[in-house]
Structures are given as structure tokens and as C-alpha cells.
Amino acid sequence: MNQHWEDRVAAAWASFDDYPQERAHEFRALIDALVAELPDDSPLGPFEQACAWDSTGHSDRAVPLYREALARGLTGYKGRRAKIQLSSSLRNIGQPEEGVKLLTAELDAPSDELDDAVRATLALCLSSLGRDREGLSLVLGALAPHLPRYQRSMANYARALVEPEG
């Protein structure tokens, strides 16, 4: 879509906090109106609608929309966001295994500013499966480069959590 449409979507999301839970339907209607301007086969439509359902507490309604957006070919930055958010929603509805599969593949994707979000969401999915040590390892590994000191130690501790003792 064009930049004008993207700017209006960004403005809608910037107003999200103006919609308390009892008015969540109004926010979703705002997003739906913007989506109605898109071509019928656009992957952006189901992605934005999924985000709106998800952000208003309806992971169950968001999951099929994220899947549709990805099936329609949503790629790049928004495609990666869709995978992160789909994985989180799957975890919320009791299907963390699929989230682990989606995000484990994302660990090998080209690096971008979403890397830490991939690891944090994957850690939550792993924790939901009782794999807390793996999750903690991911979180410590993601945190280590941001620390003013102890980066090497934290990275080593993160690896030690999942490496077999020898």
C-alpha cells in the first residue's frame, strides 16, 4: 500500500491507548475501515486485523488472521512481526509447540531489531512447555549484549544452561 495509508495506520495505532477495553470494538472498527481500502488479496489486511484483535485481548481471533496474512505472502519486517505475534497468541491459547517451531526457525533469519523479541517470545513458549532452562538461556543470551558489563560472563552462563555437562 502507499505511504499515506501506512501513515494513517500508524496514527490509528498511536491512538490505541485512547480506547479503553469497553471501547475496543471501536478501535477494531477503525482498523477494519483502513483494511477495507486494501485490495482483497493483500496480506496487510489480515495482519492489521490480527494485531487489533490481539491487542484487545482476543488471541483466539488473531491466530487465523496471522496465518492468513502469512499464507498471502506477508514477508520482511511485518512478516517477522506476524510470526512473533502469532507465536505469542498460540501460547496464549494453549498451543505453544507451534510457537516454538515458528520462532526456532526465526533464530536463523537475517538479524534485525526484532531478534530480542523473537528470543523473548520463544522463551515464553518454551516455558509454557516446561522447558524453562532453554527459555532462560535465550533471554540471558539476548540480554547479554545490552549490559554495560558482564557481557561475556552472561553469554557463557546462557550457553551453560543448555549445554550438556561434561
N, C-alpha and C. Protein backbone atom coordinates (compact mmCIF):
# COMPACT_ATOMS: atom_id res chain seq x y z
N MET A 1 0.85 -1.17 0.00
CA MET A 1 0.00 0.00 0.00
C MET A 1 0.90 1.24 0.00
N ASN A 2 0.30 2.39 -0.15
CA ASN A 2 1.11 3.60 -0.24
C ASN A 2 1.43 4.17 1.15
N GLN A 3 2.35 5.12 1.16
CA GLN A 3 2.81 5.69 2.42
C GLN A 3 1.70 6.41 3.17
N HIS A 4 0.79 7.02 2.44
CA HIS A 4 -0.33 7.71 3.09
C HIS A 4 -1.17 6.72 3.92
N TRP A 5 -1.43 5.57 3.34
CA TRP A 5 -2.19 4.54 4.06
C TRP A 5 -1.39 4.07 5.29
N GLU A 6 -0.11 3.80 5.09
CA GLU A 6 0.76 3.37 6.20
C GLU A 6 0.77 4.41 7.32
N ASP A 7 0.81 5.68 6.95
CA ASP A 7 0.81 6.75 7.95
C ASP A 7 -0.50 6.77 8.73
N ARG A 8 -1.61 6.53 8.05
CA ARG A 8 -2.90 6.52 8.75
C ARG A 8 -3.02 5.30 9.67
N VAL A 9 -2.46 4.18 9.25
CA VAL A 9 -2.44 3.00 10.13
C VAL A 9 -1.58 3.30 11.36
N ALA A 10 -0.43 3.91 11.16
CA ALA A 10 0.44 4.27 12.28
C ALA A 10 -0.27 5.24 13.22
N ALA A 11 -1.02 6.18 12.67
CA ALA A 11 -1.76 7.13 13.50
C ALA A 11 -2.86 6.41 14.29
N ALA A 12 -3.50 5.44 13.67
CA ALA A 12 -4.53 4.67 14.38
C ALA A 12 -3.89 3.94 15.57
N TRP A 13 -2.75 3.30 15.31
CA TRP A 13 -2.08 2.59 16.41
C TRP A 13 -1.58 3.55 17.48
N ALA A 14 -1.17 4.73 17.09
CA ALA A 14 -0.73 5.73 18.07
C ALA A 14 -1.89 6.16 18.98
N SER A 15 -3.11 6.00 18.50
CA SER A 15 -4.29 6.36 19.30
C SER A 15 -4.84 5.19 20.12
N PHE A 16 -4.19 4.05 20.05
CA PHE A 16 -4.71 2.84 20.70
C PHE A 16 -5.06 3.05 22.17
N ASP A 17 -4.22 3.76 22.90
CA ASP A 17 -4.48 3.96 24.34
C ASP A 17 -5.69 4.84 24.61
N ASP A 18 -6.23 5.47 23.59
CA ASP A 18 -7.45 6.27 23.74
C ASP A 18 -8.71 5.40 23.77
N TYR A 19 -8.52 4.10 23.56
CA TYR A 19 -9.65 3.16 23.52
C TYR A 19 -9.58 2.19 24.70
N PRO A 20 -10.26 2.50 25.80
CA PRO A 20 -10.27 1.55 26.91
C PRO A 20 -10.98 0.25 26.47
N GLN A 21 -10.84 -0.79 27.26
CA GLN A 21 -11.37 -2.10 26.89
C GLN A 21 -12.83 -2.06 26.46
N GLU A 22 -13.64 -1.25 27.12
CA GLU A 22 -15.06 -1.19 26.76
C GLU A 22 -15.29 -0.54 25.39
N ARG A 23 -14.26 0.09 24.85
CA ARG A 23 -14.36 0.68 23.51
C ARG A 23 -13.44 -0.01 22.50
N ALA A 24 -12.96 -1.19 22.86
CA ALA A 24 -12.04 -1.92 21.98
C ALA A 24 -12.66 -2.17 20.61
N HIS A 25 -13.96 -2.40 20.59
CA HIS A 25 -14.64 -2.63 19.31
C HIS A 25 -14.52 -1.41 18.39
N GLU A 26 -14.46 -0.21 18.95
CA GLU A 26 -14.30 0.99 18.14
C GLU A 26 -12.91 1.04 17.49
N PHE A 27 -11.90 0.62 18.24
CA PHE A 27 -10.56 0.58 17.68
C PHE A 27 -10.50 -0.45 16.55
N ARG A 28 -11.07 -1.63 16.78
CA ARG A 28 -11.07 -2.65 15.73
C ARG A 28 -11.82 -2.16 14.49
N ALA A 29 -12.89 -1.40 14.69
CA ALA A 29 -13.64 -0.85 13.56
C ALA A 29 -12.78 0.16 12.79
N LEU A 30 -11.98 0.94 13.48
CA LEU A 30 -11.07 1.88 12.84
C LEU A 30 -10.08 1.13 11.94
N ILE A 31 -9.51 0.06 12.47
CA ILE A 31 -8.58 -0.76 11.69
C ILE A 31 -9.32 -1.41 10.52
N ASP A 32 -10.51 -1.94 10.76
CA ASP A 32 -11.29 -2.56 9.68
C ASP A 32 -11.56 -1.58 8.55
N ALA A 33 -11.84 -0.33 8.89
CA ALA A 33 -12.10 0.68 7.86
C ALA A 33 -10.86 0.92 7.00
N LEU A 34 -9.71 0.94 7.62
CA LEU A 34 -8.46 1.10 6.86
C LEU A 34 -8.20 -0.13 6.00
N VAL A 35 -8.44 -1.30 6.54
CA VAL A 35 -8.23 -2.54 5.81
C VAL A 35 -9.16 -2.61 4.60
N ALA A 36 -10.35 -2.06 4.73
CA ALA A 36 -11.32 -2.09 3.62
C ALA A 36 -10.81 -1.35 2.39
N GLU A 37 -9.82 -0.51 2.55
CA GLU A 37 -9.24 0.23 1.43
C GLU A 37 -8.23 -0.60 0.63
N LEU A 38 -7.84 -1.73 1.18
CA LEU A 38 -6.81 -2.56 0.55
C LEU A 38 -7.41 -3.48 -0.50
N PRO A 39 -6.59 -3.94 -1.44
CA PRO A 39 -7.05 -5.00 -2.35
C PRO A 39 -7.43 -6.25 -1.55
N ASP A 40 -8.39 -7.00 -2.05
CA ASP A 40 -8.90 -8.16 -1.31
C ASP A 40 -7.83 -9.19 -0.95
N ASP A 41 -6.79 -9.31 -1.76
CA ASP A 41 -5.78 -10.34 -1.51
C ASP A 41 -4.55 -9.82 -0.77
N SER A 42 -4.60 -8.60 -0.27
CA SER A 42 -3.45 -8.01 0.42
C SER A 42 -3.19 -8.74 1.74
N PRO A 43 -1.93 -9.08 2.01
CA PRO A 43 -1.60 -9.69 3.30
C PRO A 43 -1.65 -8.68 4.45
N LEU A 44 -1.62 -7.39 4.13
CA LEU A 44 -1.64 -6.37 5.18
C LEU A 44 -2.98 -6.34 5.92
N GLY A 45 -4.06 -6.63 5.22
CA GLY A 45 -5.39 -6.59 5.84
C GLY A 45 -5.51 -7.55 7.01
N PRO A 46 -5.33 -8.84 6.78
CA PRO A 46 -5.44 -9.76 7.91
C PRO A 46 -4.38 -9.53 8.99
N PHE A 47 -3.21 -9.03 8.58
CA PHE A 47 -2.18 -8.73 9.58
C PHE A 47 -2.65 -7.63 10.52
N GLU A 48 -3.12 -6.52 9.97
CA GLU A 48 -3.57 -5.41 10.82
C GLU A 48 -4.78 -5.82 11.67
N GLN A 49 -5.68 -6.59 11.10
CA GLN A 49 -6.84 -7.04 11.87
C GLN A 49 -6.40 -7.99 12.99
N ALA A 50 -5.45 -8.87 12.70
CA ALA A 50 -4.93 -9.76 13.74
C ALA A 50 -4.32 -8.96 14.88
N CYS A 51 -3.53 -7.95 14.53
CA CYS A 51 -2.92 -7.10 15.55
C CYS A 51 -3.98 -6.44 16.42
N ALA A 52 -5.06 -5.97 15.78
CA ALA A 52 -6.12 -5.30 16.53
C ALA A 52 -6.84 -6.27 17.46
N TRP A 53 -7.16 -7.47 16.98
CA TRP A 53 -7.80 -8.46 17.85
C TRP A 53 -6.86 -8.85 18.99
N ASP A 54 -5.60 -9.08 18.65
CA ASP A 54 -4.61 -9.49 19.64
C ASP A 54 -4.43 -8.41 20.71
N SER A 55 -4.30 -7.18 20.29
CA SER A 55 -4.05 -6.08 21.21
C SER A 55 -5.25 -5.77 22.10
N THR A 56 -6.42 -6.24 21.70
CA THR A 56 -7.62 -6.03 22.52
C THR A 56 -8.02 -7.29 23.27
N GLY A 57 -7.06 -8.21 23.39
CA GLY A 57 -7.27 -9.37 24.26
C GLY A 57 -7.93 -10.58 23.65
N HIS A 58 -7.86 -10.72 22.33
CA HIS A 58 -8.53 -11.84 21.67
C HIS A 58 -7.54 -12.63 20.81
N SER A 59 -6.61 -13.29 21.47
CA SER A 59 -5.63 -14.09 20.74
C SER A 59 -6.30 -15.14 19.86
N ASP A 60 -7.41 -15.69 20.34
CA ASP A 60 -8.10 -16.72 19.57
C ASP A 60 -8.60 -16.21 18.23
N ARG A 61 -9.01 -14.96 18.16
CA ARG A 61 -9.47 -14.35 16.91
C ARG A 61 -8.29 -13.92 16.04
N ALA A 62 -7.16 -13.64 16.68
CA ALA A 62 -5.98 -13.17 15.95
C ALA A 62 -5.27 -14.30 15.20
N VAL A 63 -5.21 -15.48 15.79
CA VAL A 63 -4.42 -16.58 15.22
C VAL A 63 -4.78 -16.86 13.75
N PRO A 64 -6.05 -17.07 13.41
CA PRO A 64 -6.33 -17.36 12.00
C PRO A 64 -6.00 -16.20 11.06
N LEU A 65 -6.08 -14.98 11.55
CA LEU A 65 -5.75 -13.82 10.73
C LEU A 65 -4.25 -13.71 10.50
N TYR A 66 -3.44 -13.97 11.52
CA TYR A 66 -1.98 -14.00 11.31
C TYR A 66 -1.63 -15.08 10.29
N ARG A 67 -2.25 -16.25 10.44
CA ARG A 67 -1.97 -17.34 9.49
C ARG A 67 -2.34 -16.93 8.07
N GLU A 68 -3.48 -16.27 7.92
CA GLU A 68 -3.92 -15.82 6.60
C GLU A 68 -2.93 -14.81 6.02
N ALA A 69 -2.49 -13.87 6.82
CA ALA A 69 -1.52 -12.87 6.35
C ALA A 69 -0.25 -13.55 5.85
N LEU A 70 0.25 -14.50 6.60
CA LEU A 70 1.46 -15.21 6.20
C LEU A 70 1.21 -16.05 4.95
N ALA A 71 0.06 -16.70 4.88
CA ALA A 71 -0.28 -17.51 3.70
C ALA A 71 -0.41 -16.64 2.45
N ARG A 72 -0.82 -15.40 2.61
CA ARG A 72 -0.93 -14.47 1.48
C ARG A 72 0.41 -13.87 1.08
N GLY A 73 1.45 -14.21 1.82
CA GLY A 73 2.77 -13.78 1.42
C GLY A 73 3.36 -12.62 2.21
N LEU A 74 2.86 -12.36 3.40
CA LEU A 74 3.45 -11.29 4.22
C LEU A 74 4.88 -11.67 4.55
N THR A 75 5.81 -10.82 4.18
CA THR A 75 7.23 -11.11 4.39
C THR A 75 7.91 -9.90 5.01
N GLY A 76 9.22 -9.98 5.10
CA GLY A 76 10.01 -8.86 5.61
C GLY A 76 9.72 -8.58 7.07
N TYR A 77 9.84 -7.34 7.42
CA TYR A 77 9.68 -6.91 8.81
C TYR A 77 8.30 -7.26 9.36
N LYS A 78 7.26 -6.95 8.60
CA LYS A 78 5.90 -7.26 9.09
C LYS A 78 5.66 -8.76 9.12
N GLY A 79 6.26 -9.50 8.21
CA GLY A 79 6.15 -10.95 8.25
C GLY A 79 6.79 -11.52 9.51
N ARG A 80 7.91 -10.96 9.88
CA ARG A 80 8.58 -11.40 11.10
C ARG A 80 7.75 -11.02 12.33
N ARG A 81 7.19 -9.82 12.32
CA ARG A 81 6.29 -9.42 13.41
C ARG A 81 5.12 -10.39 13.50
N ALA A 82 4.57 -10.76 12.37
CA ALA A 82 3.42 -11.67 12.36
C ALA A 82 3.80 -13.01 12.99
N LYS A 83 4.99 -13.51 12.72
CA LYS A 83 5.42 -14.79 13.30
C LYS A 83 5.60 -14.66 14.81
N ILE A 84 6.17 -13.56 15.26
CA ILE A 84 6.35 -13.34 16.70
C ILE A 84 4.99 -13.26 17.38
N GLN A 85 4.11 -12.44 16.82
CA GLN A 85 2.80 -12.23 17.43
C GLN A 85 1.93 -13.48 17.34
N LEU A 86 2.01 -14.21 16.23
CA LEU A 86 1.29 -15.48 16.11
C LEU A 86 1.77 -16.45 17.17
N SER A 87 3.06 -16.54 17.35
CA SER A 87 3.61 -17.46 18.36
C SER A 87 3.14 -17.10 19.76
N SER A 88 3.12 -15.82 20.07
CA SER A 88 2.62 -15.37 21.37
C SER A 88 1.15 -15.72 21.53
N SER A 89 0.37 -15.48 20.49
CA SER A 89 -1.06 -15.80 20.55
C SER A 89 -1.30 -17.29 20.68
N LEU A 90 -0.51 -18.08 19.96
CA LEU A 90 -0.63 -19.54 20.08
C LEU A 90 -0.35 -19.97 21.51
N ARG A 91 0.65 -19.38 22.11
CA ARG A 91 0.94 -19.68 23.51
C ARG A 91 -0.25 -19.31 24.38
N ASN A 92 -0.84 -18.15 24.13
CA ASN A 92 -1.97 -17.70 24.94
C ASN A 92 -3.18 -18.62 24.84
N ILE A 93 -3.33 -19.31 23.71
CA ILE A 93 -4.48 -20.20 23.56
C ILE A 93 -4.11 -21.67 23.79
N GLY A 94 -2.94 -21.89 24.37
CA GLY A 94 -2.55 -23.24 24.76
C GLY A 94 -1.88 -24.07 23.69
N GLN A 95 -1.28 -23.42 22.70
CA GLN A 95 -0.59 -24.14 21.63
C GLN A 95 0.86 -23.66 21.47
N PRO A 96 1.63 -23.70 22.57
CA PRO A 96 3.00 -23.16 22.49
C PRO A 96 3.93 -23.96 21.59
N GLU A 97 3.62 -25.24 21.34
CA GLU A 97 4.50 -26.06 20.50
C GLU A 97 4.67 -25.44 19.11
N GLU A 98 3.57 -24.98 18.53
CA GLU A 98 3.64 -24.37 17.21
C GLU A 98 4.45 -23.07 17.26
N GLY A 99 4.30 -22.32 18.35
CA GLY A 99 5.10 -21.10 18.51
C GLY A 99 6.58 -21.40 18.56
N VAL A 100 6.95 -22.48 19.24
CA VAL A 100 8.36 -22.88 19.31
C VAL A 100 8.87 -23.19 17.91
N LYS A 101 8.09 -23.92 17.12
CA LYS A 101 8.52 -24.26 15.76
C LYS A 101 8.70 -23.00 14.91
N LEU A 102 7.74 -22.10 14.96
CA LEU A 102 7.83 -20.87 14.17
C LEU A 102 9.05 -20.04 14.54
N LEU A 103 9.26 -19.87 15.83
CA LEU A 103 10.33 -18.97 16.27
C LEU A 103 11.70 -19.61 16.27
N THR A 104 11.77 -20.92 16.40
CA THR A 104 13.07 -21.59 16.29
C THR A 104 13.63 -21.35 14.90
N ALA A 105 12.77 -21.41 13.89
CA ALA A 105 13.20 -21.12 12.52
C ALA A 105 13.65 -19.66 12.39
N GLU A 106 13.01 -18.76 13.12
CA GLU A 106 13.37 -17.34 13.06
C GLU A 106 14.74 -17.04 13.66
N LEU A 107 15.26 -17.93 14.49
CA LEU A 107 16.59 -17.72 15.07
C LEU A 107 17.66 -17.66 13.98
N ASP A 108 17.38 -18.31 12.84
CA ASP A 108 18.34 -18.33 11.74
C ASP A 108 18.05 -17.29 10.67
N ALA A 109 17.00 -16.50 10.88
CA ALA A 109 16.64 -15.45 9.91
C ALA A 109 17.67 -14.33 9.97
N PRO A 110 17.74 -13.53 8.92
CA PRO A 110 18.65 -12.37 8.97
C PRO A 110 18.35 -11.51 10.20
N SER A 111 19.39 -11.04 10.83
CA SER A 111 19.27 -10.27 12.07
C SER A 111 18.63 -8.91 11.83
N ASP A 112 17.79 -8.50 12.77
CA ASP A 112 17.20 -7.16 12.73
C ASP A 112 16.82 -6.77 14.15
N GLU A 113 16.14 -5.65 14.29
CA GLU A 113 15.79 -5.15 15.62
C GLU A 113 14.77 -6.03 16.34
N LEU A 114 14.21 -7.01 15.66
CA LEU A 114 13.24 -7.91 16.29
C LEU A 114 13.88 -9.17 16.90
N ASP A 115 15.19 -9.31 16.76
CA ASP A 115 15.86 -10.51 17.27
C ASP A 115 15.54 -10.79 18.74
N ASP A 116 15.61 -9.76 19.58
CA ASP A 116 15.36 -9.97 21.01
C ASP A 116 13.90 -10.32 21.27
N ALA A 117 12.98 -9.77 20.49
CA ALA A 117 11.57 -10.12 20.63
C ALA A 117 11.34 -11.57 20.23
N VAL A 118 12.04 -12.04 19.20
CA VAL A 118 11.96 -13.46 18.82
C VAL A 118 12.38 -14.32 20.00
N ARG A 119 13.51 -14.00 20.59
CA ARG A 119 14.05 -14.80 21.69
C ARG A 119 13.16 -14.72 22.94
N ALA A 120 12.66 -13.55 23.25
CA ALA A 120 11.79 -13.41 24.43
C ALA A 120 10.51 -14.20 24.26
N THR A 121 9.89 -14.11 23.09
CA THR A 121 8.64 -14.84 22.85
C THR A 121 8.89 -16.33 22.79
N LEU A 122 9.98 -16.73 22.17
CA LEU A 122 10.34 -18.15 22.15
C LEU A 122 10.57 -18.65 23.57
N ALA A 123 11.21 -17.85 24.41
CA ALA A 123 11.44 -18.23 25.81
C ALA A 123 10.11 -18.46 26.53
N LEU A 124 9.13 -17.60 26.28
CA LEU A 124 7.82 -17.78 26.90
C LEU A 124 7.16 -19.07 26.42
N CYS A 125 7.24 -19.33 25.13
CA CYS A 125 6.67 -20.58 24.59
C CYS A 125 7.36 -21.80 25.20
N LEU A 126 8.68 -21.75 25.29
CA LEU A 126 9.43 -22.85 25.90
C LEU A 126 9.02 -23.04 27.36
N SER A 127 8.87 -21.94 28.08
CA SER A 127 8.46 -22.02 29.48
C SER A 127 7.09 -22.68 29.62
N SER A 128 6.19 -22.36 28.70
CA SER A 128 4.86 -22.97 28.74
C SER A 128 4.91 -24.47 28.52
N LEU A 129 6.01 -24.93 27.92
CA LEU A 129 6.20 -26.36 27.69
C LEU A 129 7.06 -26.99 28.78
N GLY A 130 7.38 -26.24 29.84
CA GLY A 130 8.20 -26.76 30.93
C GLY A 130 9.68 -26.78 30.60
N ARG A 131 10.09 -26.04 29.59
CA ARG A 131 11.49 -26.00 29.16
C ARG A 131 12.12 -24.68 29.59
N ASP A 132 12.04 -24.42 30.91
CA ASP A 132 12.46 -23.14 31.46
C ASP A 132 13.95 -22.86 31.28
N ARG A 133 14.80 -23.86 31.41
CA ARG A 133 16.24 -23.62 31.26
C ARG A 133 16.57 -23.13 29.85
N GLU A 134 15.93 -23.72 28.84
CA GLU A 134 16.16 -23.27 27.47
C GLU A 134 15.67 -21.83 27.30
N GLY A 135 14.52 -21.54 27.86
CA GLY A 135 13.98 -20.19 27.78
C GLY A 135 14.87 -19.18 28.47
N LEU A 136 15.34 -19.52 29.67
CA LEU A 136 16.23 -18.61 30.40
C LEU A 136 17.53 -18.41 29.63
N SER A 137 18.03 -19.45 29.01
CA SER A 137 19.24 -19.34 28.21
C SER A 137 19.04 -18.33 27.07
N LEU A 138 17.91 -18.40 26.40
CA LEU A 138 17.62 -17.45 25.31
C LEU A 138 17.55 -16.03 25.82
N VAL A 139 16.87 -15.84 26.95
CA VAL A 139 16.70 -14.49 27.49
C VAL A 139 18.05 -13.91 27.94
N LEU A 140 18.84 -14.71 28.63
CA LEU A 140 20.17 -14.22 29.05
C LEU A 140 21.04 -13.92 27.84
N GLY A 141 20.98 -14.78 26.83
CA GLY A 141 21.76 -14.55 25.62
C GLY A 141 21.35 -13.27 24.91
N ALA A 142 20.04 -12.97 24.92
CA ALA A 142 19.55 -11.74 24.30
C ALA A 142 19.93 -10.52 25.13
N LEU A 143 19.92 -10.67 26.44
CA LEU A 143 20.21 -9.55 27.33
C LEU A 143 21.70 -9.21 27.37
N ALA A 144 22.55 -10.21 27.30
CA ALA A 144 23.99 -10.02 27.49
C ALA A 144 24.59 -8.87 26.68
N PRO A 145 24.31 -8.75 25.38
CA PRO A 145 24.95 -7.66 24.63
C PRO A 145 24.52 -6.26 25.06
N HIS A 146 23.41 -6.15 25.78
CA HIS A 146 22.90 -4.84 26.19
C HIS A 146 23.45 -4.39 27.55
N LEU A 147 24.14 -5.27 28.24
CA LEU A 147 24.65 -4.95 29.58
C LEU A 147 25.90 -4.07 29.47
N PRO A 148 26.08 -3.14 30.40
CA PRO A 148 27.27 -2.29 30.36
C PRO A 148 28.54 -3.07 30.74
N ARG A 149 28.37 -4.16 31.47
CA ARG A 149 29.49 -5.03 31.88
C ARG A 149 28.97 -6.45 31.94
N TYR A 150 29.84 -7.41 32.05
CA TYR A 150 29.50 -8.83 32.25
C TYR A 150 28.92 -9.50 31.01
N GLN A 151 29.09 -8.90 29.84
CA GLN A 151 28.53 -9.49 28.63
C GLN A 151 29.05 -10.91 28.40
N ARG A 152 30.35 -11.10 28.50
CA ARG A 152 30.95 -12.41 28.25
C ARG A 152 30.47 -13.42 29.28
N SER A 153 30.44 -13.03 30.54
CA SER A 153 30.00 -13.95 31.59
C SER A 153 28.56 -14.38 31.37
N MET A 154 27.69 -13.42 31.10
CA MET A 154 26.27 -13.75 30.92
C MET A 154 26.06 -14.63 29.69
N ALA A 155 26.80 -14.35 28.62
CA ALA A 155 26.69 -15.19 27.42
C ALA A 155 27.16 -16.61 27.73
N ASN A 156 28.23 -16.74 28.53
CA ASN A 156 28.70 -18.08 28.92
C ASN A 156 27.69 -18.79 29.82
N TYR A 157 27.10 -18.07 30.76
CA TYR A 157 26.08 -18.66 31.62
C TYR A 157 24.88 -19.12 30.79
N ALA A 158 24.51 -18.33 29.81
CA ALA A 158 23.39 -18.68 28.95
C ALA A 158 23.67 -20.00 28.23
N ARG A 159 24.86 -20.14 27.67
CA ARG A 159 25.23 -21.40 26.99
C ARG A 159 25.27 -22.56 27.97
N ALA A 160 25.80 -22.32 29.15
CA ALA A 160 25.93 -23.41 30.14
C ALA A 160 24.58 -23.96 30.58
N LEU A 161 23.55 -23.16 30.52
CA LEU A 161 22.22 -23.63 30.90
C LEU A 161 21.70 -24.74 30.00
N VAL A 162 22.14 -24.78 28.76
CA VAL A 162 21.61 -25.77 27.81
C VAL A 162 22.63 -26.76 27.30
N GLU A 163 23.91 -26.51 27.58
CA GLU A 163 24.92 -27.47 27.13
C GLU A 163 24.97 -28.65 28.08
N PRO A 164 25.18 -29.83 27.53
CA PRO A 164 25.29 -30.99 28.41
C PRO A 164 26.53 -30.86 29.30
N GLU A 165 26.38 -31.30 30.54
CA GLU A 165 27.52 -31.24 31.46
C GLU A 165 28.54 -32.28 31.03
N GLY A 166 29.81 -31.87 31.08
CA GLY A 166 30.83 -32.79 30.60
C GLY A 166 31.98 -32.95 31.49
